[in-house]
Amino acid sequence: MADASTPEHETLIEFPCNFPIKVMGETHIDFTLEITKAIQQHAPEFDTHLIEMRGSAGGKYISLTCMVYVVSKLQLDNIYRTLTAHPMVRVVL
């Protein structure tokens, strides 16, 4: 029978930790700002110095690898939900 702590044990990730989240979308001047704001809804201390940015060879797409300090599976899941629901985001890994 599951108890209230079960969701935290459904992962091999040990919390708290720095967790890399890769976010991809079409190149847009506000992409990084929008992704930063989305992450900060759930991790207010996240800042843009923790982002690695790469453009595609043709320049149409951009990927951001965001190193986010997360304290729980719920927090990480909420970040993923917010990012995948964002209209500028194509893929979140």
PDB file of N, CA and C in Angstrom:
ATOM      1  N   MET A   1       0.839  -1.173   0.000  1.00  0.00           N
ATOM      2  CA  MET A   1       0.000   0.000   0.000  1.00  0.00           C
ATOM      3  C   MET A   1       0.889   1.244   0.000  1.00  0.00           C
ATOM      4  N   ALA A   2       0.605   2.224  -0.865  1.00  0.00           N
ATOM      5  CA  ALA A   2       1.412   3.437  -0.991  1.00  0.00           C
ATOM      6  C   ALA A   2       1.096   4.407   0.141  1.00  0.00           C
ATOM      7  N   ASP A   3       2.117   5.130   0.551  1.00  0.00           N
ATOM      8  CA  ASP A   3       1.895   6.184   1.541  1.00  0.00           C
ATOM      9  C   ASP A   3       2.254   7.526   0.918  1.00  0.00           C
ATOM     10  N   ALA A   4       2.125   8.594   1.684  1.00  0.00           N
ATOM     11  CA  ALA A   4       2.336   9.942   1.167  1.00  0.00           C
ATOM     12  C   ALA A   4       3.751  10.153   0.641  1.00  0.00           C
ATOM     13  N   SER A   5       4.721   9.390   1.100  1.00  0.00           N
ATOM     14  CA  SER A   5       6.094   9.590   0.665  1.00  0.00           C
ATOM     15  C   SER A   5       6.440   8.796  -0.595  1.00  0.00           C
ATOM     16  N   THR A   6       5.555   7.967  -1.087  1.00  0.00           N
ATOM     17  CA  THR A   6       5.842   7.119  -2.242  1.00  0.00           C
ATOM     18  C   THR A   6       6.332   7.894  -3.462  1.00  0.00           C
ATOM     19  N   PRO A   7       5.704   9.011  -3.886  1.00  0.00           N
ATOM     20  CA  PRO A   7       6.182   9.694  -5.084  1.00  0.00           C
ATOM     21  C   PRO A   7       7.668  10.071  -5.025  1.00  0.00           C
ATOM     22  N   GLU A   8       8.170  10.426  -3.869  1.00  0.00           N
ATOM     23  CA  GLU A   8       9.580  10.792  -3.753  1.00  0.00           C
ATOM     24  C   GLU A   8      10.489   9.590  -3.982  1.00  0.00           C
ATOM     25  N   HIS A   9       9.970   8.386  -3.786  1.00  0.00           N
ATOM     26  CA  HIS A   9      10.788   7.188  -3.924  1.00  0.00           C
ATOM     27  C   HIS A   9      10.654   6.545  -5.299  1.00  0.00           C
ATOM     28  N   GLU A  10       9.900   7.154  -6.205  1.00  0.00           N
ATOM     29  CA  GLU A  10       9.721   6.614  -7.545  1.00  0.00           C
ATOM     30  C   GLU A  10      10.806   7.096  -8.497  1.00  0.00           C
ATOM     31  N   THR A  11      11.906   7.590  -7.995  1.00  0.00           N
ATOM     32  CA  THR A  11      12.970   8.122  -8.820  1.00  0.00           C
ATOM     33  C   THR A  11      14.325   7.685  -8.271  1.00  0.00           C
ATOM     34  N   LEU A  12      15.303   7.628  -9.142  1.00  0.00           N
ATOM     35  CA  LEU A  12      16.668   7.320  -8.715  1.00  0.00           C
ATOM     36  C   LEU A  12      17.445   8.591  -8.386  1.00  0.00           C
ATOM     37  N   ILE A  13      16.823   9.734  -8.586  1.00  0.00           N
ATOM     38  CA  ILE A  13      17.463  11.017  -8.311  1.00  0.00           C
ATOM     39  C   ILE A  13      17.453  11.268  -6.809  1.00  0.00           C
ATOM     40  N   GLU A  14      18.591  11.674  -6.277  1.00  0.00           N
ATOM     41  CA  GLU A  14      18.668  12.028  -4.859  1.00  0.00           C
ATOM     42  C   GLU A  14      18.497  13.534  -4.719  1.00  0.00           C
ATOM     43  N   PHE A  15      17.514  13.931  -3.959  1.00  0.00           N
ATOM     44  CA  PHE A  15      17.218  15.349  -3.746  1.00  0.00           C
ATOM     45  C   PHE A  15      17.755  15.785  -2.406  1.00  0.00           C
ATOM     46  N   PRO A  16      18.154  17.042  -2.275  1.00  0.00           N
ATOM     47  CA  PRO A  16      18.261  18.078  -3.301  1.00  0.00           C
ATOM     48  C   PRO A  16      19.464  17.829  -4.208  1.00  0.00           C
ATOM     49  N   CYS A  17      19.401  18.406  -5.423  1.00  0.00           N
ATOM     50  CA  CYS A  17      20.508  18.266  -6.368  1.00  0.00           C
ATOM     51  C   CYS A  17      20.409  19.331  -7.456  1.00  0.00           C
ATOM     52  N   ASN A  18      21.513  19.506  -8.170  1.00  0.00           N
ATOM     53  CA  ASN A  18      21.516  20.326  -9.379  1.00  0.00           C
ATOM     54  C   ASN A  18      21.123  19.399 -10.514  1.00  0.00           C
ATOM     55  N   PHE A  19      20.086  19.763 -11.260  1.00  0.00           N
ATOM     56  CA  PHE A  19      19.553  18.887 -12.290  1.00  0.00           C
ATOM     57  C   PHE A  19      19.540  19.614 -13.630  1.00  0.00           C
ATOM     58  N   PRO A  20      20.157  19.018 -14.665  1.00  0.00           N
ATOM     59  CA  PRO A  20      20.150  19.668 -15.984  1.00  0.00           C
ATOM     60  C   PRO A  20      18.846  19.405 -16.733  1.00  0.00           C
ATOM     61  N   ILE A  21      18.235  20.473 -17.212  1.00  0.00           N
ATOM     62  CA  ILE A  21      17.017  20.363 -18.015  1.00  0.00           C
ATOM     63  C   ILE A  21      17.317  20.994 -19.369  1.00  0.00           C
ATOM     64  N   LYS A  22      17.123  20.224 -20.430  1.00  0.00           N
ATOM     65  CA  LYS A  22      17.358  20.732 -21.782  1.00  0.00           C
ATOM     66  C   LYS A  22      16.022  21.136 -22.383  1.00  0.00           C
ATOM     67  N   VAL A  23      15.961  22.380 -22.864  1.00  0.00           N
ATOM     68  CA  VAL A  23      14.740  22.935 -23.436  1.00  0.00           C
ATOM     69  C   VAL A  23      15.051  23.380 -24.857  1.00  0.00           C
ATOM     70  N   MET A  24      14.238  22.941 -25.826  1.00  0.00           N
ATOM     71  CA  MET A  24      14.471  23.301 -27.225  1.00  0.00           C
ATOM     72  C   MET A  24      13.245  23.971 -27.835  1.00  0.00           C
ATOM     73  N   GLY A  25      13.524  24.925 -28.709  1.00  0.00           N
ATOM     74  CA  GLY A  25      12.457  25.625 -29.411  1.00  0.00           C
ATOM     75  C   GLY A  25      13.011  26.399 -30.575  1.00  0.00           C
ATOM     76  N   GLU A  26      12.142  27.071 -31.297  1.00  0.00           N
ATOM     77  CA  GLU A  26      12.593  27.910 -32.402  1.00  0.00           C
ATOM     78  C   GLU A  26      13.317  29.121 -31.843  1.00  0.00           C
ATOM     79  N   THR A  27      14.340  29.567 -32.567  1.00  0.00           N
ATOM     80  CA  THR A  27      15.115  30.733 -32.148  1.00  0.00           C
ATOM     81  C   THR A  27      14.192  31.954 -32.092  1.00  0.00           C
ATOM     82  N   HIS A  28      14.220  32.632 -30.962  1.00  0.00           N
ATOM     83  CA  HIS A  28      13.398  33.829 -30.743  1.00  0.00           C
ATOM     84  C   HIS A  28      14.131  34.711 -29.740  1.00  0.00           C
ATOM     85  N   ILE A  29      14.060  36.007 -29.917  1.00  0.00           N
ATOM     86  CA  ILE A  29      14.784  36.940 -29.063  1.00  0.00           C
ATOM     87  C   ILE A  29      14.426  36.780 -27.580  1.00  0.00           C
ATOM     88  N   ASP A  30      13.192  36.374 -27.275  1.00  0.00           N
ATOM     89  CA  ASP A  30      12.742  36.253 -25.879  1.00  0.00           C
ATOM     90  C   ASP A  30      12.758  34.818 -25.342  1.00  0.00           C
ATOM     91  N   PHE A  31      13.293  33.863 -26.116  1.00  0.00           N
ATOM     92  CA  PHE A  31      13.236  32.459 -25.687  1.00  0.00           C
ATOM     93  C   PHE A  31      13.897  32.250 -24.331  1.00  0.00           C
ATOM     94  N   THR A  32      15.118  32.719 -24.165  1.00  0.00           N
ATOM     95  CA  THR A  32      15.836  32.516 -22.897  1.00  0.00           C
ATOM     96  C   THR A  32      15.105  33.178 -21.739  1.00  0.00           C
ATOM     97  N   LEU A  33      14.616  34.393 -21.935  1.00  0.00           N
ATOM     98  CA  LEU A  33      13.874  35.101 -20.892  1.00  0.00           C
ATOM     99  C   LEU A  33      12.607  34.333 -20.508  1.00  0.00           C
ATOM    100  N   GLU A  34      11.878  33.859 -21.492  1.00  0.00           N
ATOM    101  CA  GLU A  34      10.644  33.115 -21.224  1.00  0.00           C
ATOM    102  C   GLU A  34      10.920  31.811 -20.473  1.00  0.00           C
ATOM    103  N   ILE A  35      11.966  31.110 -20.844  1.00  0.00           N
ATOM    104  CA  ILE A  35      12.298  29.851 -20.178  1.00  0.00           C
ATOM    105  C   ILE A  35      12.755  30.131 -18.748  1.00  0.00           C
ATOM    106  N   THR A  36      13.545  31.169 -18.563  1.00  0.00           N
ATOM    107  CA  THR A  36      13.992  31.557 -17.215  1.00  0.00           C
ATOM    108  C   THR A  36      12.792  31.864 -16.325  1.00  0.00           C
ATOM    109  N   LYS A  37      11.848  32.645 -16.830  1.00  0.00           N
ATOM    110  CA  LYS A  37      10.655  32.980 -16.041  1.00  0.00           C
ATOM    111  C   LYS A  37       9.840  31.738 -15.700  1.00  0.00           C
ATOM    112  N   ALA A  38       9.734  30.820 -16.651  1.00  0.00           N
ATOM    113  CA  ALA A  38       8.968  29.594 -16.408  1.00  0.00           C
ATOM    114  C   ALA A  38       9.610  28.759 -15.303  1.00  0.00           C
ATOM    115  N   ILE A  39      10.926  28.633 -15.339  1.00  0.00           N
ATOM    116  CA  ILE A  39      11.630  27.865 -14.307  1.00  0.00           C
ATOM    117  C   ILE A  39      11.530  28.567 -12.956  1.00  0.00           C
ATOM    118  N   GLN A  40      11.655  29.883 -12.946  1.00  0.00           N
ATOM    119  CA  GLN A  40      11.615  30.638 -11.689  1.00  0.00           C
ATOM    120  C   GLN A  40      10.261  30.575 -10.996  1.00  0.00           C
ATOM    121  N   GLN A  41       9.210  30.181 -11.687  1.00  0.00           N
ATOM    122  CA  GLN A  41       7.914  29.982 -11.029  1.00  0.00           C
ATOM    123  C   GLN A  41       8.022  28.902  -9.962  1.00  0.00           C
ATOM    124  N   HIS A  42       8.923  27.950 -10.180  1.00  0.00           N
ATOM    125  CA  HIS A  42       9.059  26.809  -9.269  1.00  0.00           C
ATOM    126  C   HIS A  42      10.408  26.786  -8.548  1.00  0.00           C
ATOM    127  N   ALA A  43      11.380  27.513  -9.068  1.00  0.00           N
ATOM    128  CA  ALA A  43      12.717  27.603  -8.465  1.00  0.00           C
ATOM    129  C   ALA A  43      13.153  29.061  -8.549  1.00  0.00           C
ATOM    130  N   PRO A  44      12.635  29.912  -7.643  1.00  0.00           N
ATOM    131  CA  PRO A  44      12.853  31.358  -7.725  1.00  0.00           C
ATOM    132  C   PRO A  44      14.321  31.788  -7.754  1.00  0.00           C
ATOM    133  N   GLU A  45      15.212  30.979  -7.202  1.00  0.00           N
ATOM    134  CA  GLU A  45      16.619  31.352  -7.153  1.00  0.00           C
ATOM    135  C   GLU A  45      17.367  31.059  -8.455  1.00  0.00           C
ATOM    136  N   PHE A  46      16.731  30.375  -9.409  1.00  0.00           N
ATOM    137  CA  PHE A  46      17.380  30.052 -10.684  1.00  0.00           C
ATOM    138  C   PHE A  46      17.777  31.325 -11.413  1.00  0.00           C
ATOM    139  N   ASP A  47      19.009  31.347 -11.944  1.00  0.00           N
ATOM    140  CA  ASP A  47      19.422  32.530 -12.699  1.00  0.00           C
ATOM    141  C   ASP A  47      20.073  32.147 -14.023  1.00  0.00           C
ATOM    142  N   THR A  48      20.135  33.105 -14.938  1.00  0.00           N
ATOM    143  CA  THR A  48      20.574  32.864 -16.308  1.00  0.00           C
ATOM    144  C   THR A  48      22.047  32.470 -16.418  1.00  0.00           C
ATOM    145  N   HIS A  49      22.830  32.669 -15.380  1.00  0.00           N
ATOM    146  CA  HIS A  49      24.229  32.236 -15.417  1.00  0.00           C
ATOM    147  C   HIS A  49      24.333  30.710 -15.434  1.00  0.00           C
ATOM    148  N   LEU A  50      23.247  30.029 -15.166  1.00  0.00           N
ATOM    149  CA  LEU A  50      23.233  28.568 -15.123  1.00  0.00           C
ATOM    150  C   LEU A  50      22.648  27.968 -16.403  1.00  0.00           C
ATOM    151  N   ILE A  51      22.707  28.743 -17.502  1.00  0.00           N
ATOM    152  CA  ILE A  51      22.167  28.298 -18.785  1.00  0.00           C
ATOM    153  C   ILE A  51      23.291  28.182 -19.810  1.00  0.00           C
ATOM    154  N   GLU A  52      23.321  27.043 -20.484  1.00  0.00           N
ATOM    155  CA  GLU A  52      24.227  26.857 -21.622  1.00  0.00           C
ATOM    156  C   GLU A  52      23.361  26.888 -22.869  1.00  0.00           C
ATOM    157  N   MET A  53      23.719  27.731 -23.827  1.00  0.00           N
ATOM    158  CA  MET A  53      22.900  27.950 -25.007  1.00  0.00           C
ATOM    159  C   MET A  53      23.613  27.433 -26.250  1.00  0.00           C
ATOM    160  N   ARG A  54      22.840  26.765 -27.120  1.00  0.00           N
ATOM    161  CA  ARG A  54      23.385  26.300 -28.399  1.00  0.00           C
ATOM    162  C   ARG A  54      22.347  26.514 -29.484  1.00  0.00           C
ATOM    163  N   GLY A  55      22.807  27.003 -30.601  1.00  0.00           N
ATOM    164  CA  GLY A  55      21.936  27.158 -31.755  1.00  0.00           C
ATOM    165  C   GLY A  55      22.122  25.999 -32.712  1.00  0.00           C
ATOM    166  N   SER A  56      21.115  25.733 -33.522  1.00  0.00           N
ATOM    167  CA  SER A  56      21.230  24.677 -34.533  1.00  0.00           C
ATOM    168  C   SER A  56      22.122  25.177 -35.662  1.00  0.00           C
ATOM    169  N   ALA A  57      22.587  24.267 -36.479  1.00  0.00           N
ATOM    170  CA  ALA A  57      23.480  24.618 -37.595  1.00  0.00           C
ATOM    171  C   ALA A  57      22.842  25.656 -38.521  1.00  0.00           C
ATOM    172  N   GLY A  58      21.560  25.513 -38.781  1.00  0.00           N
ATOM    173  CA  GLY A  58      20.863  26.453 -39.658  1.00  0.00           C
ATOM    174  C   GLY A  58      20.359  27.698 -38.948  1.00  0.00           C
ATOM    175  N   GLY A  59      20.440  27.706 -37.615  1.00  0.00           N
ATOM    176  CA  GLY A  59      20.010  28.866 -36.850  1.00  0.00           C
ATOM    177  C   GLY A  59      18.524  28.942 -36.563  1.00  0.00           C
ATOM    178  N   LYS A  60      17.754  27.958 -37.012  1.00  0.00           N
ATOM    179  CA  LYS A  60      16.306  28.014 -36.799  1.00  0.00           C
ATOM    180  C   LYS A  60      15.916  27.647 -35.371  1.00  0.00           C
ATOM    181  N   TYR A  61      16.697  26.765 -34.745  1.00  0.00           N
ATOM    182  CA  TYR A  61      16.361  26.281 -33.404  1.00  0.00           C
ATOM    183  C   TYR A  61      17.441  26.635 -32.395  1.00  0.00           C
ATOM    184  N   ILE A  62      17.023  26.653 -31.141  1.00  0.00           N
ATOM    185  CA  ILE A  62      17.947  26.915 -30.038  1.00  0.00           C
ATOM    186  C   ILE A  62      17.686  25.886 -28.950  1.00  0.00           C
ATOM    187  N   SER A  63      18.758  25.490 -28.277  1.00  0.00           N
ATOM    188  CA  SER A  63      18.580  24.610 -27.117  1.00  0.00           C
ATOM    189  C   SER A  63      19.255  25.263 -25.926  1.00  0.00           C
ATOM    190  N   LEU A  64      18.589  25.168 -24.795  1.00  0.00           N
ATOM    191  CA  LEU A  64      19.115  25.683 -23.544  1.00  0.00           C
ATOM    192  C   LEU A  64      19.261  24.514 -22.587  1.00  0.00           C
ATOM    193  N   THR A  65      20.436  24.381 -22.000  1.00  0.00           N
ATOM    194  CA  THR A  65      20.616  23.418 -20.926  1.00  0.00           C
ATOM    195  C   THR A  65      20.658  24.236 -19.646  1.00  0.00           C
ATOM    196  N   CYS A  66      19.646  24.054 -18.807  1.00  0.00           N
ATOM    197  CA  CYS A  66      19.471  24.844 -17.595  1.00  0.00           C
ATOM    198  C   CYS A  66      19.793  23.969 -16.384  1.00  0.00           C
ATOM    199  N   MET A  67      20.782  24.374 -15.604  1.00  0.00           N
ATOM    200  CA  MET A  67      21.138  23.634 -14.394  1.00  0.00           C
ATOM    201  C   MET A  67      20.306  24.207 -13.249  1.00  0.00           C
ATOM    202  N   VAL A  68      19.336  23.428 -12.799  1.00  0.00           N
ATOM    203  CA  VAL A  68      18.370  23.898 -11.806  1.00  0.00           C
ATOM    204  C   VAL A  68      18.566  23.142 -10.492  1.00  0.00           C
ATOM    205  N   TYR A  69      18.667  23.879  -9.397  1.00  0.00           N
ATOM    206  CA  TYR A  69      18.749  23.263  -8.070  1.00  0.00           C
ATOM    207  C   TYR A  69      17.327  22.911  -7.652  1.00  0.00           C
ATOM    208  N   VAL A  70      17.060  21.613  -7.527  1.00  0.00           N
ATOM    209  CA  VAL A  70      15.726  21.146  -7.150  1.00  0.00           C
ATOM    210  C   VAL A  70      15.790  20.399  -5.827  1.00  0.00           C
ATOM    211  N   VAL A  71      14.721  20.520  -5.059  1.00  0.00           N
ATOM    212  CA  VAL A  71      14.696  19.912  -3.725  1.00  0.00           C
ATOM    213  C   VAL A  71      13.752  18.716  -3.617  1.00  0.00           C
ATOM    214  N   SER A  72      12.926  18.483  -4.659  1.00  0.00           N
ATOM    215  CA  SER A  72      11.990  17.365  -4.595  1.00  0.00           C
ATOM    216  C   SER A  72      11.565  16.942  -5.998  1.00  0.00           C
ATOM    217  N   LYS A  73      11.041  15.733  -6.090  1.00  0.00           N
ATOM    218  CA  LYS A  73      10.501  15.230  -7.349  1.00  0.00           C
ATOM    219  C   LYS A  73       9.305  16.067  -7.781  1.00  0.00           C
ATOM    220  N   LEU A  74       8.474  16.466  -6.835  1.00  0.00           N
ATOM    221  CA  LEU A  74       7.319  17.294  -7.150  1.00  0.00           C
ATOM    222  C   LEU A  74       7.747  18.614  -7.796  1.00  0.00           C
ATOM    223  N   GLN A  75       8.759  19.253  -7.239  1.00  0.00           N
ATOM    224  CA  GLN A  75       9.255  20.510  -7.801  1.00  0.00           C
ATOM    225  C   GLN A  75       9.759  20.280  -9.232  1.00  0.00           C
ATOM    226  N   LEU A  76      10.537  19.232  -9.440  1.00  0.00           N
ATOM    227  CA  LEU A  76      11.061  18.927 -10.769  1.00  0.00           C
ATOM    228  C   LEU A  76       9.929  18.624 -11.748  1.00  0.00           C
ATOM    229  N   ASP A  77       8.952  17.841 -11.321  1.00  0.00           N
ATOM    230  CA  ASP A  77       7.799  17.534 -12.176  1.00  0.00           C
ATOM    231  C   ASP A  77       7.036  18.798 -12.553  1.00  0.00           C
ATOM    232  N   ASN A  78       6.875  19.707 -11.607  1.00  0.00           N
ATOM    233  CA  ASN A  78       6.164  20.956 -11.884  1.00  0.00           C
ATOM    234  C   ASN A  78       6.924  21.824 -12.884  1.00  0.00           C
ATOM    235  N   ILE A  79       8.248  21.844 -12.798  1.00  0.00           N
ATOM    236  CA  ILE A  79       9.062  22.582 -13.772  1.00  0.00           C
ATOM    237  C   ILE A  79       8.849  21.981 -15.161  1.00  0.00           C
ATOM    238  N   TYR A  80       8.923  20.652 -15.263  1.00  0.00           N
ATOM    239  CA  TYR A  80       8.710  19.988 -16.554  1.00  0.00           C
ATOM    240  C   TYR A  80       7.324  20.277 -17.110  1.00  0.00           C
ATOM    241  N   ARG A  81       6.298  20.229 -16.271  1.00  0.00           N
ATOM    242  CA  ARG A  81       4.932  20.513 -16.731  1.00  0.00           C
ATOM    243  C   ARG A  81       4.815  21.934 -17.270  1.00  0.00           C
ATOM    244  N   THR A  82       5.385  22.889 -16.557  1.00  0.00           N
ATOM    245  CA  THR A  82       5.319  24.285 -16.988  1.00  0.00           C
ATOM    246  C   THR A  82       6.052  24.483 -18.305  1.00  0.00           C
ATOM    247  N   LEU A  83       7.228  23.890 -18.428  1.00  0.00           N
ATOM    248  CA  LEU A  83       8.008  24.049 -19.661  1.00  0.00           C
ATOM    249  C   LEU A  83       7.334  23.376 -20.848  1.00  0.00           C
ATOM    250  N   THR A  84       6.830  22.170 -20.672  1.00  0.00           N
ATOM    251  CA  THR A  84       6.213  21.476 -21.808  1.00  0.00           C
ATOM    252  C   THR A  84       4.911  22.155 -22.248  1.00  0.00           C
ATOM    253  N   ALA A  85       4.273  22.885 -21.361  1.00  0.00           N
ATOM    254  CA  ALA A  85       3.040  23.599 -21.707  1.00  0.00           C
ATOM    255  C   ALA A  85       3.312  24.957 -22.363  1.00  0.00           C
ATOM    256  N   HIS A  86       4.552  25.433 -22.310  1.00  0.00           N
ATOM    257  CA  HIS A  86       4.882  26.759 -22.849  1.00  0.00           C
ATOM    258  C   HIS A  86       4.806  26.732 -24.376  1.00  0.00           C
ATOM    259  N   PRO A  87       4.147  27.721 -24.976  1.00  0.00           N
ATOM    260  CA  PRO A  87       3.959  27.721 -26.435  1.00  0.00           C
ATOM    261  C   PRO A  87       5.260  27.856 -27.250  1.00  0.00           C
ATOM    262  N   MET A  88       6.332  28.361 -26.654  1.00  0.00           N
ATOM    263  CA  MET A  88       7.585  28.515 -27.393  1.00  0.00           C
ATOM    264  C   MET A  88       8.443  27.243 -27.361  1.00  0.00           C
ATOM    265  N   VAL A  89       8.078  26.307 -26.503  1.00  0.00           N
ATOM    266  CA  VAL A  89       8.887  25.104 -26.284  1.00  0.00           C
ATOM    267  C   VAL A  89       8.442  23.970 -27.196  1.00  0.00           C
ATOM    268  N   ARG A  90       9.420  23.347 -27.863  1.00  0.00           N
ATOM    269  CA  ARG A  90       9.132  22.174 -28.711  1.00  0.00           C
ATOM    270  C   ARG A  90       9.424  20.867 -27.969  1.00  0.00           C
ATOM    271  N   VAL A  91      10.552  20.817 -27.229  1.00  0.00           N
ATOM    272  CA  VAL A  91      10.983  19.597 -26.555  1.00  0.00           C
ATOM    273  C   VAL A  91      11.625  19.947 -25.222  1.00  0.00           C
ATOM    274  N   VAL A  92      11.357  19.119 -24.203  1.00  0.00           N
ATOM    275  CA  VAL A  92      12.033  19.246 -22.908  1.00  0.00           C
ATOM    276  C   VAL A  92      12.595  17.879 -22.569  1.00  0.00           C
ATOM    277  N   LEU A  93      13.878  17.843 -22.259  1.00  0.00           N
ATOM    278  CA  LEU A  93      14.541  16.591 -21.883  1.00  0.00           C
ATOM    279  C   LEU A  93      15.133  16.728 -20.497  1.00  0.00           C
TER     280      LEU A  93
END
